Amino acid sequence: MSVTLEVKSHGMKFAEEQLLKHGWTQGKGLGRKENGITQALRVTLKQDAHGVGHDPAKEFTNHGWNELFTKTAANLVVETGQDGGQIRRLSTETTCRNPGQQSETLSQNKIK
């Protein structure tokens, strides 16, 4: 017959003493009807530097180039005729950007 002694931390001992003081007995559930949890919750430390709810796979699924391609393809119309195909833009507006403005726009699409 083997007896396993469970070594409890100071915090677990304190919590058990508080529950015993208020009428709880070991093995019974918490709550008025004693149907709650019977084992204490264990606290674990979060070892990474990301926030709660951070999805590490999101940076690999969000592609700025895909969005840019979709917008560009939506503005193009391919017309085929006897002499071949022609590509025509739906939008006739052209924007002239200076290099500083373009780099700011591209840096806004980067994943942080």
N, C-alpha and C. Protein backbone atom coordinates (compact mmCIF):
# COMPACT_ATOMS: atom_id res chain seq x y z
N MET A 1 0.85 -1.17 0.00
CA MET A 1 0.00 0.00 0.00
C MET A 1 0.90 1.24 0.00
N SER A 2 0.75 2.04 -1.03
CA SER A 2 1.59 3.23 -1.11
C SER A 2 0.76 4.47 -0.78
N VAL A 3 1.35 5.32 -0.02
CA VAL A 3 0.70 6.57 0.37
C VAL A 3 1.43 7.70 -0.33
N THR A 4 0.69 8.47 -1.10
CA THR A 4 1.29 9.60 -1.81
C THR A 4 0.98 10.87 -1.04
N LEU A 5 2.03 11.51 -0.60
CA LEU A 5 1.86 12.78 0.10
C LEU A 5 1.97 13.91 -0.92
N GLU A 6 0.98 14.76 -0.91
CA GLU A 6 0.98 15.89 -1.84
C GLU A 6 1.57 17.09 -1.13
N VAL A 7 2.61 17.64 -1.70
CA VAL A 7 3.24 18.82 -1.13
C VAL A 7 2.49 20.03 -1.67
N LYS A 8 1.94 20.82 -0.76
CA LYS A 8 1.15 21.98 -1.16
C LYS A 8 1.95 23.25 -0.96
N SER A 9 1.75 24.17 -1.86
CA SER A 9 2.42 25.46 -1.74
C SER A 9 1.76 26.28 -0.64
N HIS A 10 2.41 27.35 -0.27
CA HIS A 10 1.89 28.22 0.78
C HIS A 10 0.51 28.77 0.40
N GLY A 11 0.35 29.16 -0.86
CA GLY A 11 -0.93 29.71 -1.32
C GLY A 11 -2.04 28.68 -1.29
N MET A 12 -1.73 27.43 -1.64
CA MET A 12 -2.74 26.37 -1.61
C MET A 12 -3.14 26.04 -0.17
N LYS A 13 -2.17 26.06 0.73
CA LYS A 13 -2.46 25.79 2.14
C LYS A 13 -3.39 26.87 2.68
N PHE A 14 -3.09 28.12 2.35
CA PHE A 14 -3.91 29.23 2.82
C PHE A 14 -5.34 29.11 2.30
N ALA A 15 -5.48 28.80 1.01
CA ALA A 15 -6.81 28.68 0.41
C ALA A 15 -7.60 27.54 1.04
N GLU A 16 -6.93 26.41 1.30
CA GLU A 16 -7.62 25.27 1.92
C GLU A 16 -8.05 25.61 3.34
N GLU A 17 -7.20 26.33 4.07
CA GLU A 17 -7.57 26.74 5.43
C GLU A 17 -8.79 27.65 5.41
N GLN A 18 -8.86 28.55 4.45
CA GLN A 18 -10.02 29.45 4.35
C GLN A 18 -11.29 28.67 4.05
N LEU A 19 -11.21 27.70 3.15
CA LEU A 19 -12.39 26.90 2.82
C LEU A 19 -12.83 26.05 4.01
N LEU A 20 -11.87 25.45 4.71
CA LEU A 20 -12.20 24.64 5.88
C LEU A 20 -12.86 25.49 6.97
N LYS A 21 -12.39 26.72 7.10
CA LYS A 21 -12.94 27.63 8.11
C LYS A 21 -14.41 27.94 7.82
N HIS A 22 -14.81 27.89 6.56
CA HIS A 22 -16.18 28.21 6.18
C HIS A 22 -17.04 26.97 5.95
N GLY A 23 -16.58 25.81 6.40
CA GLY A 23 -17.42 24.62 6.39
C GLY A 23 -17.20 23.64 5.25
N TRP A 24 -16.23 23.86 4.42
CA TRP A 24 -15.96 22.95 3.31
C TRP A 24 -15.20 21.74 3.82
N THR A 25 -15.48 20.57 3.26
CA THR A 25 -14.71 19.38 3.59
C THR A 25 -14.07 18.85 2.31
N GLN A 26 -12.92 18.25 2.46
CA GLN A 26 -12.15 17.80 1.30
C GLN A 26 -12.92 16.72 0.53
N GLY A 27 -12.96 16.87 -0.79
CA GLY A 27 -13.66 15.92 -1.65
C GLY A 27 -15.03 16.40 -2.08
N LYS A 28 -15.60 17.35 -1.37
CA LYS A 28 -16.92 17.89 -1.75
C LYS A 28 -16.73 19.06 -2.70
N GLY A 29 -17.74 19.27 -3.53
CA GLY A 29 -17.68 20.38 -4.48
C GLY A 29 -18.01 21.70 -3.81
N LEU A 30 -17.65 22.76 -4.47
CA LEU A 30 -17.95 24.10 -3.95
C LEU A 30 -19.39 24.48 -4.28
N GLY A 31 -19.90 25.42 -3.53
CA GLY A 31 -21.24 25.93 -3.80
C GLY A 31 -22.26 25.44 -2.80
N ARG A 32 -23.44 26.03 -2.87
CA ARG A 32 -24.51 25.71 -1.93
C ARG A 32 -24.97 24.26 -2.05
N LYS A 33 -25.02 23.77 -3.27
CA LYS A 33 -25.47 22.38 -3.48
C LYS A 33 -24.30 21.41 -3.56
N GLU A 34 -23.11 21.90 -3.32
CA GLU A 34 -21.87 21.12 -3.34
C GLU A 34 -21.67 20.38 -4.67
N ASN A 35 -22.05 21.03 -5.77
CA ASN A 35 -21.88 20.43 -7.08
C ASN A 35 -20.85 21.18 -7.93
N GLY A 36 -20.06 22.04 -7.30
CA GLY A 36 -19.03 22.80 -8.02
C GLY A 36 -17.74 22.01 -8.17
N ILE A 37 -16.68 22.72 -8.50
CA ILE A 37 -15.40 22.05 -8.72
C ILE A 37 -14.86 21.47 -7.41
N THR A 38 -14.14 20.36 -7.54
CA THR A 38 -13.57 19.71 -6.36
C THR A 38 -12.06 19.87 -6.30
N GLN A 39 -11.44 20.19 -7.43
CA GLN A 39 -9.99 20.40 -7.47
C GLN A 39 -9.71 21.89 -7.62
N ALA A 40 -8.66 22.34 -6.96
CA ALA A 40 -8.29 23.76 -7.03
C ALA A 40 -7.73 24.09 -8.41
N LEU A 41 -7.97 25.32 -8.83
CA LEU A 41 -7.40 25.79 -10.09
C LEU A 41 -5.92 26.04 -9.89
N ARG A 42 -5.13 25.68 -10.86
CA ARG A 42 -3.68 25.88 -10.80
C ARG A 42 -3.33 27.09 -11.66
N VAL A 43 -2.54 27.96 -11.11
CA VAL A 43 -2.11 29.16 -11.82
C VAL A 43 -0.83 28.83 -12.58
N THR A 44 -0.77 29.24 -13.83
CA THR A 44 0.44 29.06 -14.62
C THR A 44 0.89 30.42 -15.13
N LEU A 45 2.18 30.59 -15.23
CA LEU A 45 2.73 31.83 -15.73
C LEU A 45 2.80 31.79 -17.25
N LYS A 46 2.49 32.91 -17.86
CA LYS A 46 2.55 33.03 -19.31
C LYS A 46 3.99 33.38 -19.67
N GLN A 47 4.64 32.54 -20.47
CA GLN A 47 6.06 32.70 -20.73
C GLN A 47 6.39 33.55 -21.96
N ASP A 48 5.43 33.81 -22.83
CA ASP A 48 5.75 34.61 -24.01
C ASP A 48 5.39 36.08 -23.77
N ALA A 49 5.79 36.93 -24.67
CA ALA A 49 5.60 38.37 -24.51
C ALA A 49 4.35 38.87 -25.23
N HIS A 50 3.54 37.98 -25.78
CA HIS A 50 2.34 38.38 -26.51
C HIS A 50 1.18 38.58 -25.54
N GLY A 51 0.22 39.37 -25.95
CA GLY A 51 -0.94 39.62 -25.13
C GLY A 51 -1.92 38.46 -25.14
N VAL A 52 -2.91 38.56 -24.29
CA VAL A 52 -3.94 37.53 -24.21
C VAL A 52 -4.76 37.58 -25.50
N GLY A 53 -5.00 36.45 -26.11
CA GLY A 53 -5.77 36.39 -27.35
C GLY A 53 -4.94 36.57 -28.60
N HIS A 54 -3.63 36.69 -28.47
CA HIS A 54 -2.75 36.86 -29.63
C HIS A 54 -2.74 35.58 -30.45
N ASP A 55 -2.90 35.73 -31.76
CA ASP A 55 -2.87 34.58 -32.66
C ASP A 55 -1.56 34.60 -33.43
N PRO A 56 -0.61 33.73 -33.10
CA PRO A 56 0.69 33.77 -33.78
C PRO A 56 0.60 33.42 -35.27
N ALA A 57 -0.44 32.74 -35.70
CA ALA A 57 -0.57 32.37 -37.11
C ALA A 57 -1.11 33.51 -37.97
N LYS A 58 -1.61 34.57 -37.34
CA LYS A 58 -2.23 35.65 -38.10
C LYS A 58 -1.24 36.34 -39.02
N GLU A 59 0.01 36.46 -38.61
CA GLU A 59 0.98 37.14 -39.45
C GLU A 59 1.27 36.37 -40.74
N PHE A 60 0.99 35.09 -40.75
CA PHE A 60 1.22 34.29 -41.94
C PHE A 60 -0.02 34.20 -42.83
N THR A 61 -1.16 34.65 -42.33
CA THR A 61 -2.39 34.58 -43.12
C THR A 61 -2.80 35.94 -43.67
N ASN A 62 -2.27 37.03 -43.15
CA ASN A 62 -2.63 38.37 -43.61
C ASN A 62 -1.57 38.83 -44.61
N HIS A 63 -1.88 38.78 -45.89
CA HIS A 63 -0.94 39.17 -46.92
C HIS A 63 -1.41 40.46 -47.57
N GLY A 64 -0.62 41.51 -47.43
CA GLY A 64 -0.98 42.78 -48.03
C GLY A 64 -0.98 42.72 -49.54
N TRP A 65 -0.09 41.90 -50.11
CA TRP A 65 -0.01 41.80 -51.57
C TRP A 65 -1.29 41.20 -52.15
N ASN A 66 -1.94 40.31 -51.41
CA ASN A 66 -3.17 39.69 -51.89
C ASN A 66 -4.28 40.73 -52.00
N GLU A 67 -4.36 41.60 -51.02
CA GLU A 67 -5.38 42.66 -51.04
C GLU A 67 -5.10 43.63 -52.18
N LEU A 68 -3.84 43.98 -52.39
CA LEU A 68 -3.46 44.89 -53.47
C LEU A 68 -3.78 44.28 -54.83
N PHE A 69 -3.49 43.00 -55.01
CA PHE A 69 -3.79 42.31 -56.27
C PHE A 69 -5.29 42.29 -56.53
N THR A 70 -6.08 42.02 -55.50
CA THR A 70 -7.53 41.95 -55.66
C THR A 70 -8.10 43.31 -56.07
N LYS A 71 -7.61 44.38 -55.45
CA LYS A 71 -8.08 45.73 -55.81
C LYS A 71 -7.71 46.07 -57.25
N THR A 72 -6.49 45.75 -57.63
CA THR A 72 -6.03 46.06 -58.99
C THR A 72 -6.80 45.25 -60.02
N ALA A 73 -7.00 43.97 -59.75
CA ALA A 73 -7.73 43.12 -60.69
C ALA A 73 -9.18 43.55 -60.83
N ALA A 74 -9.76 44.12 -59.79
CA ALA A 74 -11.14 44.58 -59.86
C ALA A 74 -11.28 45.81 -60.76
N ASN A 75 -10.21 46.58 -60.94
CA ASN A 75 -10.26 47.78 -61.77
C ASN A 75 -9.89 47.52 -63.23
N LEU A 76 -9.57 46.29 -63.60
CA LEU A 76 -9.18 45.98 -64.97
C LEU A 76 -10.28 45.22 -65.69
N VAL A 77 -10.44 45.53 -66.98
CA VAL A 77 -11.39 44.82 -67.82
C VAL A 77 -10.63 44.32 -69.04
N VAL A 78 -10.76 43.05 -69.36
CA VAL A 78 -10.11 42.47 -70.53
C VAL A 78 -11.14 42.35 -71.63
N GLU A 79 -10.85 42.99 -72.75
CA GLU A 79 -11.76 42.94 -73.90
C GLU A 79 -11.06 42.17 -75.01
N THR A 80 -11.71 41.17 -75.52
CA THR A 80 -11.12 40.39 -76.61
C THR A 80 -11.83 40.71 -77.92
N GLY A 81 -11.04 40.77 -78.95
CA GLY A 81 -11.59 41.05 -80.28
C GLY A 81 -10.88 40.19 -81.31
N GLN A 82 -11.05 40.57 -82.58
CA GLN A 82 -10.41 39.80 -83.65
C GLN A 82 -8.89 39.96 -83.64
N ASP A 83 -8.44 41.14 -83.24
CA ASP A 83 -7.01 41.40 -83.26
C ASP A 83 -6.32 41.01 -81.95
N GLY A 84 -7.02 40.45 -81.01
CA GLY A 84 -6.40 40.04 -79.74
C GLY A 84 -7.12 40.66 -78.56
N GLY A 85 -6.48 40.64 -77.43
CA GLY A 85 -7.09 41.18 -76.23
C GLY A 85 -6.52 42.52 -75.84
N GLN A 86 -7.33 43.31 -75.19
CA GLN A 86 -6.90 44.60 -74.68
C GLN A 86 -7.30 44.68 -73.21
N ILE A 87 -6.45 45.33 -72.46
CA ILE A 87 -6.75 45.53 -71.04
C ILE A 87 -7.09 47.00 -70.87
N ARG A 88 -8.21 47.24 -70.23
CA ARG A 88 -8.67 48.61 -70.01
C ARG A 88 -8.95 48.79 -68.53
N ARG A 89 -8.62 49.97 -68.02
CA ARG A 89 -8.90 50.29 -66.61
C ARG A 89 -10.31 50.84 -66.47
N LEU A 90 -10.99 50.45 -65.41
CA LEU A 90 -12.30 51.02 -65.13
C LEU A 90 -12.14 52.43 -64.58
N SER A 91 -11.18 52.63 -63.72
CA SER A 91 -10.95 53.93 -63.12
C SER A 91 -9.94 54.69 -63.97
N THR A 92 -10.28 55.91 -64.34
CA THR A 92 -9.36 56.71 -65.15
C THR A 92 -8.51 57.63 -64.29
N GLU A 93 -8.77 57.64 -63.01
CA GLU A 93 -8.00 58.50 -62.12
C GLU A 93 -6.61 57.91 -61.92
N THR A 94 -5.62 58.77 -62.03
CA THR A 94 -4.26 58.35 -61.72
C THR A 94 -3.76 59.25 -60.61
N THR A 95 -3.03 58.68 -59.74
CA THR A 95 -2.49 59.46 -58.63
C THR A 95 -1.00 59.56 -58.80
N CYS A 96 -0.49 60.71 -58.50
CA CYS A 96 0.95 60.94 -58.59
C CYS A 96 1.45 61.08 -57.16
N ARG A 97 2.26 60.17 -56.76
CA ARG A 97 2.77 60.19 -55.39
C ARG A 97 4.24 60.55 -55.39
N ASN A 98 4.63 61.25 -54.37
CA ASN A 98 6.06 61.46 -54.20
C ASN A 98 6.62 60.28 -53.42
N PRO A 99 7.90 59.99 -53.49
CA PRO A 99 8.46 58.80 -52.84
C PRO A 99 8.21 58.74 -51.34
N GLY A 100 8.22 59.85 -50.66
CA GLY A 100 7.98 59.85 -49.21
C GLY A 100 6.57 59.41 -48.87
N GLN A 101 5.60 59.86 -49.64
CA GLN A 101 4.21 59.49 -49.40
C GLN A 101 3.98 58.01 -49.68
N GLN A 102 4.63 57.48 -50.70
CA GLN A 102 4.45 56.07 -51.04
C GLN A 102 5.01 55.17 -49.93
N SER A 103 6.16 55.51 -49.37
CA SER A 103 6.74 54.66 -48.33
C SER A 103 5.88 54.69 -47.07
N GLU A 104 5.24 55.82 -46.78
CA GLU A 104 4.35 55.87 -45.62
C GLU A 104 3.16 54.94 -45.82
N THR A 105 2.60 54.94 -47.03
CA THR A 105 1.45 54.10 -47.32
C THR A 105 1.83 52.62 -47.23
N LEU A 106 2.98 52.25 -47.76
CA LEU A 106 3.41 50.86 -47.70
C LEU A 106 3.71 50.43 -46.27
N SER A 107 4.26 51.33 -45.47
CA SER A 107 4.59 50.95 -44.09
C SER A 107 3.34 50.79 -43.25
N GLN A 108 2.23 51.39 -43.65
CA GLN A 108 0.99 51.22 -42.90
C GLN A 108 0.42 49.83 -43.07
N ASN A 109 0.74 49.13 -44.16
CA ASN A 109 0.22 47.80 -44.42
C ASN A 109 1.05 46.70 -43.78
N LYS A 110 2.17 47.05 -43.18
CA LYS A 110 3.04 46.04 -42.58
C LYS A 110 2.42 45.49 -41.30
N ILE A 111 2.73 44.26 -41.02
CA ILE A 111 2.25 43.61 -39.81
C ILE A 111 3.21 43.92 -38.68
N LYS A 112 2.67 44.30 -37.56
CA LYS A 112 3.52 44.65 -36.42
C LYS A 112 3.56 43.54 -35.42
